[in-house]
Amino acid sequence: MTKSEQRRHLFISHHHRDDALVDKFTGLLGGKGWDVRNSSIRAKPANQERLDRGLVKDAVIERLLRMKISWASTVVVLIGEKTHTRPWVNWEIDQAHAQGKRIVGVFEQGGKGADIPKSLEKYASAIVGWNANSIKKAIDDEDNTFENPDGSARSPVNASVTSQC
């Protein structure tokens, strides 16, 4: 397998306070031979302060996020303790869905089922535990698995409802 075949262009949606988790995630996949290119926004402290103080217009953030999501082949949502409370995470998932992107949720180690963002519940292609092989299969569209944080099976979050006349 060539270096370019091992490269994955991802947008990693996460709570900005979980930046260390992003590093851990890319390290996990890097240890399995993948070259992960992450297009998500990771603001430097001075820029984060401007964002926190509302000095950057939402339209500017939305335009930047749309471009970064468009570049990625898959959107990965790191499901941490506070991820589900972040409005930008849900916006990113909604935008990924609108762009037709594969959306994969990954529970952080020790994560909980209740931590799944609402938009991920609606649009996830797969949700898996913190396991490199499961994550790789989910990203590469090999497996539409839905797991609990411990890796046990769960029902798909977005199962379509069918009706009979």
Protein backbone atom coordinates (compact mmCIF):
# COMPACT_ATOMS: atom_id res chain seq x y z
CA MET A 1 0.00 0.00 0.00
CA THR A 2 1.42 3.38 -0.99
CA LYS A 3 1.59 6.40 1.28
CA SER A 4 -1.30 8.08 -0.58
CA GLU A 5 -3.44 4.94 -0.17
CA GLN A 6 -2.86 5.15 3.58
CA ARG A 7 -3.80 8.86 3.74
CA ARG A 8 -7.25 9.84 4.97
CA HIS A 9 -8.66 13.35 4.71
CA LEU A 10 -10.89 13.81 7.74
CA PHE A 11 -12.75 16.62 9.38
CA ILE A 12 -12.67 15.80 13.09
CA SER A 13 -15.60 17.44 14.85
CA HIS A 14 -15.01 17.85 18.58
CA HIS A 15 -15.46 20.12 21.59
CA HIS A 16 -12.53 22.57 21.41
CA ARG A 17 -11.51 21.65 24.95
CA ASP A 18 -10.91 18.10 23.63
CA ASP A 19 -7.99 19.09 21.37
CA ALA A 20 -5.78 16.56 23.19
CA LEU A 21 -8.31 13.87 22.27
CA VAL A 22 -7.88 14.80 18.58
CA ASP A 23 -4.13 14.23 18.95
CA LYS A 24 -4.78 10.91 20.66
CA PHE A 25 -7.19 9.90 17.88
CA THR A 26 -4.81 10.74 15.04
CA GLY A 27 -2.02 8.99 16.96
CA LEU A 28 -4.17 5.86 17.32
CA LEU A 29 -4.75 5.66 13.56
CA GLY A 30 -1.20 6.75 12.78
CA GLY A 31 0.01 3.78 14.83
CA LYS A 32 -1.97 1.55 12.45
CA GLY A 33 -0.25 2.97 9.37
CA TRP A 34 -2.66 5.75 8.41
CA ASP A 35 -1.58 9.27 7.52
CA VAL A 36 -4.51 11.29 8.88
CA ARG A 37 -4.99 14.79 7.47
CA ASN A 38 -7.35 16.72 9.74
CA SER A 39 -9.07 19.83 8.41
CA SER A 40 -10.95 20.77 11.58
CA ILE A 41 -10.42 24.11 13.26
CA ARG A 42 -8.09 24.13 16.22
CA ALA A 43 -7.83 27.73 17.35
CA LYS A 44 -4.70 29.11 18.94
CA PRO A 45 -5.32 30.59 22.43
CA ALA A 46 -5.54 34.20 21.19
CA ASN A 47 -8.00 33.23 18.45
CA GLN A 48 -9.99 31.04 20.85
CA GLU A 49 -10.35 34.05 23.14
CA ARG A 50 -11.73 36.10 20.21
CA LEU A 51 -14.18 33.28 19.43
CA ASP A 52 -15.24 32.95 23.08
CA ARG A 53 -15.86 36.71 23.29
CA GLY A 54 -18.02 36.65 20.15
CA LEU A 55 -15.66 38.81 18.12
CA VAL A 56 -15.84 36.55 15.07
CA LYS A 57 -19.12 36.56 13.16
CA ASP A 58 -20.95 33.24 12.82
CA ALA A 59 -21.09 33.71 9.03
CA VAL A 60 -17.28 33.76 8.90
CA ILE A 61 -17.04 30.60 10.99
CA GLU A 62 -19.71 28.87 8.90
CA ARG A 63 -17.95 29.71 5.62
CA LEU A 64 -14.63 28.39 6.95
CA LEU A 65 -16.23 25.22 8.31
CA ARG A 66 -18.09 24.54 5.04
CA MET A 67 -14.80 24.72 3.13
CA LYS A 68 -12.99 22.47 5.58
CA ILE A 69 -15.81 19.89 5.63
CA SER A 70 -15.96 19.97 1.83
CA TRP A 71 -12.24 19.08 1.63
CA ALA A 72 -12.63 15.99 3.84
CA SER A 73 -13.80 12.61 2.60
CA THR A 74 -15.28 11.69 5.99
CA VAL A 75 -16.41 13.62 9.04
CA VAL A 76 -15.48 11.99 12.34
CA VAL A 77 -17.26 13.15 15.50
CA LEU A 78 -15.31 12.49 18.68
CA ILE A 79 -17.94 11.80 21.32
CA GLY A 80 -16.69 13.10 24.65
CA GLU A 81 -18.39 14.11 27.86
CA LYS A 82 -19.46 17.58 26.64
CA THR A 83 -19.57 17.08 22.85
CA HIS A 84 -23.37 16.83 22.76
CA THR A 85 -23.70 20.29 24.35
CA ARG A 86 -21.75 22.10 21.64
CA PRO A 87 -23.94 23.84 19.03
CA TRP A 88 -21.09 24.02 16.51
CA VAL A 89 -20.68 20.22 16.61
CA ASN A 90 -24.32 19.76 15.61
CA TRP A 91 -23.93 22.45 12.92
CA GLU A 92 -20.87 20.63 11.51
CA ILE A 93 -22.76 17.32 11.43
CA ASP A 94 -25.74 18.96 9.71
CA GLN A 95 -23.39 20.54 7.15
CA ALA A 96 -21.60 17.22 6.55
CA HIS A 97 -24.98 15.59 5.93
CA ALA A 98 -25.98 18.39 3.53
CA GLN A 99 -22.72 17.80 1.62
CA GLY A 100 -23.33 14.03 1.46
CA LYS A 101 -20.32 13.15 3.62
CA ARG A 102 -19.89 9.90 5.50
CA ILE A 103 -20.30 10.70 9.22
CA VAL A 104 -18.66 8.45 11.81
CA GLY A 105 -19.04 8.87 15.55
CA VAL A 106 -16.24 7.60 17.80
CA PHE A 107 -16.68 7.35 21.56
CA GLU A 108 -13.70 8.49 23.56
CA GLN A 109 -12.40 5.91 26.00
CA GLY A 110 -14.89 5.85 28.87
CA GLY A 111 -17.56 7.73 26.85
CA LYS A 112 -21.27 7.30 27.49
CA GLY A 113 -24.20 6.63 25.18
CA ALA A 114 -25.99 9.74 26.46
CA ASP A 115 -23.17 11.89 25.09
CA ILE A 116 -24.19 11.48 21.44
CA PRO A 117 -25.01 14.83 19.77
CA LYS A 118 -28.58 15.09 18.40
CA SER A 119 -27.47 15.55 14.79
CA LEU A 120 -25.21 12.50 15.04
CA GLU A 121 -28.23 10.49 16.21
CA LYS A 122 -30.00 11.57 13.01
CA TYR A 123 -27.22 11.30 10.42
CA ALA A 124 -24.47 8.91 11.56
CA SER A 125 -23.23 6.34 9.06
CA ALA A 126 -21.60 4.45 11.94
CA ILE A 127 -20.82 4.93 15.63
CA VAL A 128 -18.01 2.89 17.13
CA GLY A 129 -15.98 2.55 20.28
CA TRP A 130 -12.34 3.53 20.70
CA ASN A 131 -10.87 0.68 18.66
CA ALA A 132 -8.54 1.34 15.72
CA ASN A 133 -9.84 -1.53 13.59
CA SER A 134 -13.50 -0.57 14.10
CA ILE A 135 -12.71 3.08 13.40
CA LYS A 136 -10.80 2.28 10.20
CA LYS A 137 -13.62 0.07 8.87
CA ALA A 138 -16.22 2.73 9.70
CA ILE A 139 -14.22 5.50 8.00
CA ASP A 140 -13.55 3.42 4.89
CA ASP A 141 -17.25 2.65 4.46
CA GLU A 142 -16.61 -1.04 5.08
CA ASP A 143 -18.88 -1.23 8.06
CA ASN A 144 -22.02 0.65 9.11
CA THR A 145 -21.70 -0.63 12.64
CA PHE A 146 -23.42 1.00 15.58
CA GLU A 147 -21.80 0.28 18.92
CA ASN A 148 -22.11 1.33 22.52
CA PRO A 149 -19.05 2.93 24.14
CA ASP A 150 -17.86 -0.51 25.32
CA GLY A 151 -17.94 -1.88 21.76
CA SER A 152 -21.11 -3.95 22.22
CA ALA A 153 -23.72 -3.79 19.44
CA ARG A 154 -26.58 -1.31 19.52
CA SER A 155 -29.42 -0.49 17.15
CA PRO A 156 -28.64 1.97 14.35
CA VAL A 157 -29.40 5.49 15.47
CA ASN A 158 -30.95 6.56 12.21
CA ALA A 159 -32.83 3.45 11.16
CA SER A 160 -35.38 4.36 8.56
CA VAL A 161 -39.00 3.77 9.37
CA THR A 162 -41.00 1.84 6.83
CA SER A 163 -44.74 1.67 6.62
CA GLN A 164 -47.07 -0.65 4.78
CA CYS A 165 -50.30 0.42 3.15
